[in-house]
Amino acid sequence: MEDTKLTMLHDHYKETFAHIQDYLKLRDRLFAYLLLVVTLMLFEMYSPSGSANTISELIAKKLEMKTPIDISFIASIIWFALLSLVVRYYQTVVHIERQYDYIHGIEDQMSAEYEGKSFTREGKSYLRSYPLFSSWAWILYTIVFPILLLLIAAIKIIGEVRQSEYINVLLGINIAIALCIVLSTLFYMFLIHFRK
């Protein structure tokens, strides 16, 4: 009976680990997309008129339009894309973290059958031999990147407000999206750094 339980637990462990691997791939793709959108925003901030013309012409050419699209509309689409990616990226990272907590519990159950010497790959063994570079990468992903994202969003939206003569619908939407990005980032950082 104990062998059957251990076999079932081991199969569940393998399935859970495969599930985590899928989410790690998704996280990496989302991060790359986030970097692309942030780069686009930085381009808009660095060269507002040049980026407006370039982006508008590129989209008009791709959609085979005769007249370029208004850049304020494109800016709102970029804001919305950033919010969508930020929320999905943070959800994925939090889900992965929760799954690792879960898989550590499964490893504890399985390794108890082997006097604590087996099934510690993702738990005790991984955490015991955590290299300095991995700690540095964790700081970059969970502290530096979110703070830079907050700064870029704040600087970008403040610039948009200053450039506008009045708050129109698109600017109001951009402000709301920027606030959602800030809140999402703060919640993410709280969950990652202060979870039980």
N, C-alpha and C. Protein backbone atom coordinates (compact mmCIF):
# COMPACT_ATOMS: atom_id res chain seq x y z
N MET A 1 0.82 -1.20 0.00
CA MET A 1 0.00 0.00 0.00
C MET A 1 0.87 1.27 0.00
N GLU A 2 1.95 1.25 0.81
CA GLU A 2 2.84 2.41 0.88
C GLU A 2 3.51 2.65 -0.47
N ASP A 3 3.89 1.55 -1.18
CA ASP A 3 4.50 1.70 -2.50
C ASP A 3 3.55 2.36 -3.49
N THR A 4 2.28 2.00 -3.44
CA THR A 4 1.28 2.59 -4.32
C THR A 4 1.14 4.08 -4.04
N LYS A 5 1.10 4.47 -2.77
CA LYS A 5 1.00 5.88 -2.40
C LYS A 5 2.22 6.65 -2.89
N LEU A 6 3.40 6.05 -2.70
CA LEU A 6 4.63 6.72 -3.12
C LEU A 6 4.68 6.86 -4.64
N THR A 7 4.22 5.84 -5.35
CA THR A 7 4.19 5.89 -6.81
C THR A 7 3.23 6.98 -7.29
N MET A 8 2.06 7.03 -6.68
CA MET A 8 1.09 8.07 -7.05
C MET A 8 1.64 9.46 -6.74
N LEU A 9 2.28 9.60 -5.59
CA LEU A 9 2.86 10.88 -5.21
C LEU A 9 3.98 11.28 -6.17
N HIS A 10 4.80 10.30 -6.56
CA HIS A 10 5.88 10.59 -7.50
C HIS A 10 5.33 11.00 -8.87
N ASP A 11 4.30 10.32 -9.34
CA ASP A 11 3.67 10.70 -10.62
C ASP A 11 3.10 12.11 -10.54
N HIS A 12 2.47 12.41 -9.42
CA HIS A 12 1.91 13.76 -9.23
C HIS A 12 3.04 14.80 -9.20
N TYR A 13 4.15 14.45 -8.58
CA TYR A 13 5.32 15.32 -8.52
C TYR A 13 5.82 15.62 -9.93
N LYS A 14 5.95 14.59 -10.75
CA LYS A 14 6.42 14.76 -12.13
C LYS A 14 5.46 15.64 -12.93
N GLU A 15 4.16 15.42 -12.78
CA GLU A 15 3.17 16.23 -13.50
C GLU A 15 3.24 17.68 -13.05
N THR A 16 3.37 17.87 -11.75
CA THR A 16 3.45 19.23 -11.21
C THR A 16 4.70 19.93 -11.72
N PHE A 17 5.82 19.23 -11.76
CA PHE A 17 7.06 19.82 -12.24
C PHE A 17 6.96 20.16 -13.73
N ALA A 18 6.33 19.30 -14.51
CA ALA A 18 6.12 19.58 -15.94
C ALA A 18 5.23 20.81 -16.10
N HIS A 19 4.23 20.94 -15.25
CA HIS A 19 3.34 22.10 -15.25
C HIS A 19 4.14 23.37 -14.98
N ILE A 20 5.05 23.31 -14.01
CA ILE A 20 5.88 24.46 -13.68
C ILE A 20 6.77 24.83 -14.87
N GLN A 21 7.33 23.84 -15.54
CA GLN A 21 8.19 24.10 -16.70
C GLN A 21 7.44 24.85 -17.80
N ASP A 22 6.18 24.46 -18.04
CA ASP A 22 5.36 25.17 -19.03
C ASP A 22 5.17 26.64 -18.63
N TYR A 23 4.92 26.87 -17.35
CA TYR A 23 4.73 28.24 -16.89
C TYR A 23 6.03 29.04 -16.91
N LEU A 24 7.16 28.38 -16.71
CA LEU A 24 8.44 29.08 -16.81
C LEU A 24 8.68 29.56 -18.24
N LYS A 25 8.34 28.74 -19.21
CA LYS A 25 8.47 29.15 -20.62
C LYS A 25 7.55 30.34 -20.92
N LEU A 26 6.31 30.28 -20.41
CA LEU A 26 5.37 31.38 -20.60
C LEU A 26 5.90 32.65 -19.95
N ARG A 27 6.42 32.54 -18.73
CA ARG A 27 6.98 33.70 -18.03
C ARG A 27 8.09 34.35 -18.85
N ASP A 28 8.98 33.53 -19.41
CA ASP A 28 10.10 34.07 -20.19
C ASP A 28 9.61 34.77 -21.46
N ARG A 29 8.62 34.20 -22.12
CA ARG A 29 8.04 34.84 -23.32
C ARG A 29 7.38 36.17 -22.95
N LEU A 30 6.61 36.17 -21.87
CA LEU A 30 5.94 37.39 -21.44
C LEU A 30 6.95 38.48 -21.08
N PHE A 31 8.04 38.09 -20.44
CA PHE A 31 9.07 39.07 -20.08
C PHE A 31 9.69 39.68 -21.35
N ALA A 32 9.93 38.86 -22.35
CA ALA A 32 10.49 39.38 -23.61
C ALA A 32 9.51 40.37 -24.26
N TYR A 33 8.22 40.03 -24.27
CA TYR A 33 7.21 40.94 -24.83
C TYR A 33 7.14 42.24 -24.02
N LEU A 34 7.25 42.11 -22.70
CA LEU A 34 7.25 43.29 -21.85
C LEU A 34 8.41 44.21 -22.20
N LEU A 35 9.58 43.62 -22.40
CA LEU A 35 10.75 44.42 -22.76
C LEU A 35 10.54 45.14 -24.09
N LEU A 36 9.90 44.48 -25.04
CA LEU A 36 9.62 45.11 -26.33
C LEU A 36 8.69 46.32 -26.18
N VAL A 37 7.63 46.16 -25.40
CA VAL A 37 6.69 47.26 -25.21
C VAL A 37 7.32 48.39 -24.42
N VAL A 38 8.10 48.06 -23.41
CA VAL A 38 8.80 49.10 -22.63
C VAL A 38 9.80 49.83 -23.52
N THR A 39 10.48 49.11 -24.40
CA THR A 39 11.41 49.74 -25.34
C THR A 39 10.66 50.70 -26.26
N LEU A 40 9.50 50.30 -26.71
CA LEU A 40 8.67 51.18 -27.55
C LEU A 40 8.29 52.44 -26.78
N MET A 41 7.93 52.29 -25.51
CA MET A 41 7.59 53.46 -24.69
C MET A 41 8.80 54.36 -24.48
N LEU A 42 9.96 53.75 -24.25
CA LEU A 42 11.17 54.55 -24.08
C LEU A 42 11.50 55.32 -25.37
N PHE A 43 11.27 54.70 -26.51
CA PHE A 43 11.46 55.36 -27.79
C PHE A 43 10.52 56.56 -27.90
N GLU A 44 9.28 56.38 -27.46
CA GLU A 44 8.31 57.50 -27.47
C GLU A 44 8.77 58.62 -26.54
N MET A 45 9.34 58.26 -25.40
CA MET A 45 9.79 59.27 -24.44
C MET A 45 11.04 59.99 -24.93
N TYR A 46 11.94 59.26 -25.55
CA TYR A 46 13.20 59.82 -26.00
C TYR A 46 13.01 60.77 -27.19
N SER A 47 12.17 60.34 -28.12
CA SER A 47 11.95 61.13 -29.33
C SER A 47 10.45 61.18 -29.65
N PRO A 48 9.71 62.04 -28.95
CA PRO A 48 8.25 62.05 -29.14
C PRO A 48 7.80 62.29 -30.58
N SER A 49 8.36 63.28 -31.25
CA SER A 49 7.90 63.56 -32.62
C SER A 49 8.41 62.50 -33.60
N GLY A 50 9.66 62.11 -33.47
CA GLY A 50 10.23 61.10 -34.36
C GLY A 50 9.54 59.76 -34.19
N SER A 51 9.27 59.38 -32.96
CA SER A 51 8.60 58.10 -32.73
C SER A 51 7.16 58.14 -33.23
N ALA A 52 6.51 59.27 -33.06
CA ALA A 52 5.12 59.40 -33.52
C ALA A 52 5.04 59.16 -35.02
N ASN A 53 5.92 59.81 -35.75
CA ASN A 53 5.92 59.65 -37.21
C ASN A 53 6.29 58.23 -37.62
N THR A 54 7.34 57.69 -37.01
CA THR A 54 7.82 56.35 -37.36
C THR A 54 6.76 55.29 -37.08
N ILE A 55 6.20 55.32 -35.88
CA ILE A 55 5.20 54.31 -35.49
C ILE A 55 3.95 54.45 -36.34
N SER A 56 3.51 55.68 -36.54
CA SER A 56 2.30 55.92 -37.33
C SER A 56 2.47 55.45 -38.77
N GLU A 57 3.62 55.78 -39.37
CA GLU A 57 3.89 55.35 -40.75
C GLU A 57 4.00 53.84 -40.85
N LEU A 58 4.67 53.22 -39.88
CA LEU A 58 4.84 51.77 -39.88
C LEU A 58 3.49 51.06 -39.81
N ILE A 59 2.62 51.52 -38.93
CA ILE A 59 1.29 50.89 -38.79
C ILE A 59 0.46 51.15 -40.04
N ALA A 60 0.51 52.37 -40.57
CA ALA A 60 -0.25 52.68 -41.79
C ALA A 60 0.23 51.81 -42.96
N LYS A 61 1.54 51.59 -43.05
CA LYS A 61 2.08 50.76 -44.11
C LYS A 61 1.64 49.31 -43.95
N LYS A 62 1.73 48.80 -42.70
CA LYS A 62 1.35 47.40 -42.44
C LYS A 62 -0.14 47.16 -42.71
N LEU A 63 -0.97 48.14 -42.36
CA LEU A 63 -2.42 48.00 -42.56
C LEU A 63 -2.88 48.52 -43.92
N GLU A 64 -1.90 48.97 -44.72
CA GLU A 64 -2.17 49.49 -46.07
C GLU A 64 -3.18 50.63 -46.04
N MET A 65 -2.94 51.58 -45.15
CA MET A 65 -3.80 52.75 -45.02
C MET A 65 -3.16 53.91 -45.77
N LYS A 66 -3.99 54.82 -46.24
CA LYS A 66 -3.48 55.97 -46.98
C LYS A 66 -3.04 57.10 -46.06
N THR A 67 -3.69 57.21 -44.90
CA THR A 67 -3.32 58.27 -43.96
C THR A 67 -2.81 57.64 -42.67
N PRO A 68 -1.84 58.31 -42.06
CA PRO A 68 -1.30 57.77 -40.81
C PRO A 68 -2.32 57.86 -39.67
N ILE A 69 -2.15 57.01 -38.68
CA ILE A 69 -3.04 56.97 -37.52
C ILE A 69 -2.57 58.00 -36.50
N ASP A 70 -3.52 58.60 -35.80
CA ASP A 70 -3.20 59.57 -34.75
C ASP A 70 -2.37 58.89 -33.67
N ILE A 71 -1.26 59.51 -33.29
CA ILE A 71 -0.33 58.90 -32.34
C ILE A 71 -0.93 58.77 -30.94
N SER A 72 -1.88 59.63 -30.57
CA SER A 72 -2.47 59.51 -29.23
C SER A 72 -3.27 58.21 -29.12
N PHE A 73 -3.88 57.78 -30.21
CA PHE A 73 -4.60 56.51 -30.22
C PHE A 73 -3.60 55.35 -30.11
N ILE A 74 -2.51 55.45 -30.84
CA ILE A 74 -1.47 54.41 -30.78
C ILE A 74 -0.86 54.34 -29.37
N ALA A 75 -0.65 55.50 -28.76
CA ALA A 75 -0.10 55.53 -27.39
C ALA A 75 -1.03 54.81 -26.42
N SER A 76 -2.33 54.98 -26.59
CA SER A 76 -3.28 54.29 -25.72
C SER A 76 -3.23 52.78 -25.93
N ILE A 77 -3.05 52.37 -27.17
CA ILE A 77 -2.93 50.93 -27.46
C ILE A 77 -1.66 50.38 -26.81
N ILE A 78 -0.57 51.14 -26.86
CA ILE A 78 0.68 50.70 -26.24
C ILE A 78 0.51 50.61 -24.72
N TRP A 79 -0.18 51.59 -24.12
CA TRP A 79 -0.46 51.52 -22.68
C TRP A 79 -1.26 50.26 -22.34
N PHE A 80 -2.28 50.00 -23.14
CA PHE A 80 -3.13 48.83 -22.88
C PHE A 80 -2.32 47.54 -23.04
N ALA A 81 -1.47 47.48 -24.06
CA ALA A 81 -0.62 46.29 -24.25
C ALA A 81 0.31 46.11 -23.06
N LEU A 82 0.86 47.21 -22.56
CA LEU A 82 1.74 47.12 -21.40
C LEU A 82 0.98 46.60 -20.17
N LEU A 83 -0.19 47.13 -19.92
CA LEU A 83 -0.99 46.67 -18.78
C LEU A 83 -1.32 45.18 -18.91
N SER A 84 -1.74 44.76 -20.08
CA SER A 84 -2.08 43.35 -20.30
C SER A 84 -0.89 42.45 -20.03
N LEU A 85 0.27 42.82 -20.54
CA LEU A 85 1.47 42.01 -20.33
C LEU A 85 1.93 42.02 -18.88
N VAL A 86 1.86 43.19 -18.24
CA VAL A 86 2.27 43.30 -16.84
C VAL A 86 1.41 42.39 -15.96
N VAL A 87 0.11 42.48 -16.12
CA VAL A 87 -0.80 41.68 -15.29
C VAL A 87 -0.56 40.19 -15.54
N ARG A 88 -0.46 39.80 -16.79
CA ARG A 88 -0.26 38.37 -17.10
C ARG A 88 1.11 37.87 -16.62
N TYR A 89 2.13 38.70 -16.77
CA TYR A 89 3.47 38.33 -16.30
C TYR A 89 3.47 38.15 -14.79
N TYR A 90 2.91 39.11 -14.07
CA TYR A 90 2.87 39.01 -12.61
C TYR A 90 2.04 37.80 -12.16
N GLN A 91 0.91 37.56 -12.81
CA GLN A 91 0.11 36.38 -12.47
C GLN A 91 0.92 35.10 -12.64
N THR A 92 1.64 35.03 -13.72
CA THR A 92 2.44 33.83 -14.02
C THR A 92 3.54 33.63 -12.99
N VAL A 93 4.25 34.70 -12.65
CA VAL A 93 5.33 34.59 -11.67
C VAL A 93 4.78 34.17 -10.30
N VAL A 94 3.68 34.77 -9.89
CA VAL A 94 3.08 34.41 -8.59
C VAL A 94 2.61 32.96 -8.61
N HIS A 95 2.04 32.54 -9.73
CA HIS A 95 1.60 31.14 -9.84
C HIS A 95 2.80 30.18 -9.73
N ILE A 96 3.89 30.51 -10.39
CA ILE A 96 5.09 29.68 -10.32
C ILE A 96 5.60 29.60 -8.88
N GLU A 97 5.65 30.73 -8.21
CA GLU A 97 6.12 30.74 -6.81
C GLU A 97 5.24 29.86 -5.93
N ARG A 98 3.94 29.93 -6.14
CA ARG A 98 3.03 29.11 -5.34
C ARG A 98 3.21 27.62 -5.66
N GLN A 99 3.47 27.31 -6.92
CA GLN A 99 3.68 25.91 -7.30
C GLN A 99 4.97 25.36 -6.70
N TYR A 100 6.00 26.22 -6.60
CA TYR A 100 7.24 25.76 -5.97
C TYR A 100 7.03 25.46 -4.49
N ASP A 101 6.24 26.28 -3.81
CA ASP A 101 5.91 25.97 -2.41
C ASP A 101 5.22 24.61 -2.33
N TYR A 102 4.31 24.38 -3.26
CA TYR A 102 3.57 23.12 -3.28
C TYR A 102 4.49 21.93 -3.56
N ILE A 103 5.39 22.09 -4.54
CA ILE A 103 6.28 20.99 -4.90
C ILE A 103 7.29 20.70 -3.78
N HIS A 104 7.67 21.73 -3.01
CA HIS A 104 8.54 21.50 -1.86
C HIS A 104 7.84 20.61 -0.84
N GLY A 105 6.54 20.80 -0.65
CA GLY A 105 5.78 19.95 0.27
C GLY A 105 5.72 18.51 -0.21
N ILE A 106 5.55 18.32 -1.51
CA ILE A 106 5.53 16.96 -2.07
C ILE A 106 6.90 16.30 -1.88
N GLU A 107 7.98 17.07 -2.12
CA GLU A 107 9.32 16.52 -1.93
C GLU A 107 9.54 16.11 -0.47
N ASP A 108 9.05 16.92 0.45
CA ASP A 108 9.20 16.56 1.87
C ASP A 108 8.50 15.23 2.17
N GLN A 109 7.31 15.04 1.61
CA GLN A 109 6.58 13.79 1.83
C GLN A 109 7.33 12.60 1.23
N MET A 110 7.83 12.76 0.00
CA MET A 110 8.52 11.65 -0.65
C MET A 110 9.87 11.37 -0.01
N SER A 111 10.61 12.41 0.35
CA SER A 111 11.94 12.18 0.89
C SER A 111 11.87 11.57 2.29
N ALA A 112 10.75 11.73 2.97
CA ALA A 112 10.60 11.10 4.30
C ALA A 112 10.70 9.59 4.18
N GLU A 113 10.30 9.04 3.04
CA GLU A 113 10.39 7.59 2.81
C GLU A 113 11.84 7.14 2.60
N TYR A 114 12.72 8.08 2.32
CA TYR A 114 14.13 7.76 2.06
C TYR A 114 15.05 8.49 3.05
N GLU A 115 14.57 8.68 4.26
CA GLU A 115 15.32 9.33 5.34
C GLU A 115 15.82 10.72 4.97
N GLY A 116 15.05 11.43 4.14
CA GLY A 116 15.37 12.81 3.78
C GLY A 116 16.51 12.98 2.81
N LYS A 117 16.96 11.91 2.17
CA LYS A 117 18.13 12.01 1.28
C LYS A 117 17.77 12.03 -0.20
N SER A 118 16.54 11.79 -0.54
CA SER A 118 16.13 11.80 -1.95
C SER A 118 15.01 12.81 -2.15
N PHE A 119 14.74 13.13 -3.41
CA PHE A 119 13.64 14.02 -3.79
C PHE A 119 13.78 15.40 -3.15
N THR A 120 14.93 15.98 -3.30
CA THR A 120 15.15 17.33 -2.77
C THR A 120 15.64 18.29 -3.85
N ARG A 121 15.49 17.92 -5.10
CA ARG A 121 16.04 18.70 -6.22
C ARG A 121 15.54 20.15 -6.21
N GLU A 122 14.24 20.34 -6.06
CA GLU A 122 13.67 21.68 -6.14
C GLU A 122 13.55 22.35 -4.78
N GLY A 123 13.76 21.62 -3.73
CA GLY A 123 13.60 22.16 -2.38
C GLY A 123 14.93 22.38 -1.70
N LYS A 124 15.25 21.49 -0.78
CA LYS A 124 16.44 21.65 0.07
C LYS A 124 17.74 21.74 -0.72
N SER A 125 17.94 20.86 -1.68
CA SER A 125 19.20 20.87 -2.45
C SER A 125 19.34 22.16 -3.25
N TYR A 126 18.27 22.59 -3.89
CA TYR A 126 18.32 23.80 -4.71
C TYR A 126 18.60 25.03 -3.85
N LEU A 127 17.89 25.14 -2.76
CA LEU A 127 18.04 26.31 -1.91
C LEU A 127 19.36 26.32 -1.15
N ARG A 128 19.89 25.16 -0.84
CA ARG A 128 21.16 25.06 -0.10
C ARG A 128 22.32 25.50 -0.99
N SER A 129 22.27 25.21 -2.26
CA SER A 129 23.37 25.53 -3.18
C SER A 129 23.01 26.71 -4.08
N TYR A 130 22.33 27.69 -3.54
CA TYR A 130 21.88 28.83 -4.33
C TYR A 130 23.06 29.76 -4.62
N PRO A 131 23.51 29.83 -5.87
CA PRO A 131 24.70 30.64 -6.18
C PRO A 131 24.39 32.14 -6.08
N LEU A 132 25.46 32.90 -5.92
CA LEU A 132 25.35 34.35 -5.79
C LEU A 132 24.68 34.97 -7.02
N PHE A 133 25.01 34.48 -8.21
CA PHE A 133 24.41 35.05 -9.41
C PHE A 133 22.90 34.84 -9.44
N SER A 134 22.43 33.68 -8.97
CA SER A 134 20.99 33.43 -8.92
C SER A 134 20.30 34.41 -7.98
N SER A 135 20.95 34.71 -6.87
CA SER A 135 20.40 35.71 -5.93
C SER A 135 20.34 37.08 -6.60
N TRP A 136 21.38 37.41 -7.34
CA TRP A 136 21.42 38.69 -8.05
C TRP A 136 20.32 38.75 -9.12
N ALA A 137 20.15 37.68 -9.88
CA ALA A 137 19.10 37.65 -10.90
C ALA A 137 17.72 37.79 -10.25
N TRP A 138 17.52 37.15 -9.11
CA TRP A 138 16.24 37.25 -8.40
C TRP A 138 15.98 38.70 -7.99
N ILE A 139 17.01 39.40 -7.53
CA ILE A 139 16.87 40.81 -7.15
C ILE A 139 16.51 41.65 -8.38
N LEU A 140 17.17 41.37 -9.50
CA LEU A 140 16.86 42.12 -10.73
C LEU A 140 15.40 41.93 -11.16
N TYR A 141 14.94 40.67 -11.16
CA TYR A 141 13.58 40.37 -11.61
C TYR A 141 12.50 40.84 -10.65
N THR A 142 12.77 40.78 -9.34
CA THR A 142 11.69 41.05 -8.38
C THR A 142 11.77 42.41 -7.71
N ILE A 143 12.88 43.11 -7.88
CA ILE A 143 12.99 44.44 -7.28
C ILE A 143 13.33 45.49 -8.34
N VAL A 144 14.46 45.29 -9.03
CA VAL A 144 14.94 46.31 -9.97
C VAL A 144 13.97 46.49 -11.14
N PHE A 145 13.60 45.40 -11.80
CA PHE A 145 12.69 45.53 -12.95
C PHE A 145 11.36 46.17 -12.57
N PRO A 146 10.68 45.72 -11.50
CA PRO A 146 9.41 46.38 -11.14
C PRO A 146 9.57 47.87 -10.82
N ILE A 147 10.67 48.23 -10.14
CA ILE A 147 10.88 49.64 -9.82
C ILE A 147 11.13 50.45 -11.10
N LEU A 148 11.93 49.90 -12.02
CA LEU A 148 12.14 50.59 -13.30
C LEU A 148 10.83 50.73 -14.07
N LEU A 149 10.02 49.69 -14.03
CA LEU A 149 8.72 49.76 -14.71
C LEU A 149 7.85 50.86 -14.10
N LEU A 150 7.85 50.98 -12.78
CA LEU A 150 7.10 52.05 -12.11
C LEU A 150 7.61 53.42 -12.54
N LEU A 151 8.93 53.58 -12.59
CA LEU A 151 9.51 54.86 -12.99
C LEU A 151 9.17 55.21 -14.44
N ILE A 152 9.29 54.24 -15.32
CA ILE A 152 8.98 54.50 -16.74
C ILE A 152 7.51 54.87 -16.90
N ALA A 153 6.62 54.13 -16.25
CA ALA A 153 5.19 54.43 -16.35
C ALA A 153 4.89 55.83 -15.79
N ALA A 154 5.50 56.16 -14.65
CA ALA A 154 5.26 57.47 -14.04
C ALA A 154 5.78 58.60 -14.93
N ILE A 155 7.00 58.45 -15.41
CA ILE A 155 7.59 59.50 -16.26
C ILE A 155 6.80 59.65 -17.54
N LYS A 156 6.40 58.53 -18.13
CA LYS A 156 5.64 58.57 -19.39
C LYS A 156 4.30 59.27 -19.22
N ILE A 157 3.56 58.90 -18.16
CA ILE A 157 2.22 59.48 -18.00
C ILE A 157 2.32 60.95 -17.60
N ILE A 158 3.32 61.31 -16.80
CA ILE A 158 3.51 62.73 -16.45
C ILE A 158 3.83 63.53 -17.70
N GLY A 159 4.67 62.97 -18.59
CA GLY A 159 4.98 63.63 -19.86
C GLY A 159 3.75 63.81 -20.73
N GLU A 160 2.90 62.80 -20.77
CA GLU A 160 1.67 62.91 -21.57
C GLU A 160 0.74 63.98 -21.00
N VAL A 161 0.63 64.05 -19.68
CA VAL A 161 -0.23 65.06 -19.06
C VAL A 161 0.32 66.46 -19.34
N ARG A 162 1.63 66.62 -19.23
CA ARG A 162 2.24 67.94 -19.49
C ARG A 162 2.09 68.38 -20.94
N GLN A 163 2.16 67.42 -21.87
CA GLN A 163 2.05 67.77 -23.29
C GLN A 163 0.61 68.10 -23.69
N SER A 164 -0.33 67.61 -22.95
CA SER A 164 -1.73 67.81 -23.31
C SER A 164 -2.24 69.16 -22.78
N GLU A 165 -3.04 69.81 -23.59
CA GLU A 165 -3.63 71.07 -23.17
C GLU A 165 -4.79 70.84 -22.20
N TYR A 166 -5.45 69.70 -22.35
CA TYR A 166 -6.57 69.34 -21.47
C TYR A 166 -6.65 67.82 -21.42
N ILE A 167 -7.35 67.32 -20.44
CA ILE A 167 -7.48 65.86 -20.30
C ILE A 167 -8.66 65.40 -21.16
N ASN A 168 -8.32 64.68 -22.23
CA ASN A 168 -9.36 64.12 -23.09
C ASN A 168 -9.60 62.65 -22.72
N VAL A 169 -10.45 61.99 -23.46
CA VAL A 169 -10.81 60.61 -23.13
C VAL A 169 -9.59 59.69 -23.19
N LEU A 170 -8.80 59.79 -24.25
CA LEU A 170 -7.64 58.91 -24.38
C LEU A 170 -6.62 59.15 -23.28
N LEU A 171 -6.40 60.39 -22.93
CA LEU A 171 -5.46 60.69 -21.84
C LEU A 171 -6.00 60.16 -20.52
N GLY A 172 -7.30 60.30 -20.30
CA GLY A 172 -7.92 59.75 -19.09
C GLY A 172 -7.75 58.24 -19.00
N ILE A 173 -7.92 57.58 -20.14
CA ILE A 173 -7.72 56.12 -20.19
C ILE A 173 -6.26 55.78 -19.90
N ASN A 174 -5.33 56.53 -20.48
CA ASN A 174 -3.90 56.28 -20.24
C ASN A 174 -3.55 56.47 -18.76
N ILE A 175 -4.12 57.50 -18.13
CA ILE A 175 -3.87 57.73 -16.71
C ILE A 175 -4.41 56.55 -15.89
N ALA A 176 -5.61 56.09 -16.22
CA ALA A 176 -6.19 54.95 -15.50
C ALA A 176 -5.34 53.70 -15.68
N ILE A 177 -4.86 53.47 -16.90
CA ILE A 177 -4.01 52.31 -17.17
C ILE A 177 -2.69 52.42 -16.40
N ALA A 178 -2.10 53.62 -16.39
CA ALA A 178 -0.85 53.82 -15.65
C ALA A 178 -1.05 53.52 -14.16
N LEU A 179 -2.17 53.97 -13.61
CA LEU A 179 -2.48 53.68 -12.20
C LEU A 179 -2.64 52.18 -11.97
N CYS A 180 -3.28 51.49 -12.91
CA CYS A 180 -3.43 50.03 -12.79
C CYS A 180 -2.07 49.33 -12.84
N ILE A 181 -1.17 49.83 -13.66
CA ILE A 181 0.18 49.25 -13.73
C ILE A 181 0.91 49.47 -12.40
N VAL A 182 0.78 50.66 -11.85
CA VAL A 182 1.42 50.95 -10.56
C VAL A 182 0.87 50.03 -9.47
N LEU A 183 -0.45 49.95 -9.38
CA LEU A 183 -1.07 49.08 -8.36
C LEU A 183 -0.69 47.62 -8.56
N SER A 184 -0.73 47.15 -9.79
CA SER A 184 -0.37 45.76 -10.07
C SER A 184 1.07 45.47 -9.66
N THR A 185 1.96 46.41 -9.93
CA THR A 185 3.36 46.23 -9.59
C THR A 185 3.56 46.22 -8.07
N LEU A 186 2.89 47.11 -7.38
CA LEU A 186 3.00 47.15 -5.92
C LEU A 186 2.45 45.87 -5.29
N PHE A 187 1.29 45.39 -5.78
CA PHE A 187 0.72 44.14 -5.27
C PHE A 187 1.67 42.97 -5.55
N TYR A 188 2.23 42.94 -6.75
CA TYR A 188 3.17 41.89 -7.12
C TYR A 188 4.37 41.87 -6.17
N MET A 189 4.96 43.04 -5.96
CA MET A 189 6.13 43.11 -5.09
C MET A 189 5.78 42.69 -3.66
N PHE A 190 4.61 43.08 -3.21
CA PHE A 190 4.17 42.67 -1.87
C PHE A 190 4.02 41.15 -1.80
N LEU A 191 3.37 40.56 -2.81
CA LEU A 191 3.17 39.11 -2.81
C LEU A 191 4.49 38.35 -2.86
N ILE A 192 5.41 38.81 -3.67
CA ILE A 192 6.69 38.11 -3.83
C ILE A 192 7.57 38.25 -2.58
N HIS A 193 7.58 39.44 -1.98
CA HIS A 193 8.53 39.69 -0.90
C HIS A 193 7.96 39.50 0.50
N PHE A 194 6.65 39.51 0.64
CA PHE A 194 6.07 39.41 1.98
C PHE A 194 5.08 38.28 2.12
N ARG A 195 5.13 37.30 1.22
CA ARG A 195 4.21 36.16 1.33
C ARG A 195 4.65 35.24 2.46
N LYS A 196 3.71 34.52 2.98
CA LYS A 196 4.02 33.62 4.10
C LYS A 196 4.60 32.32 3.60
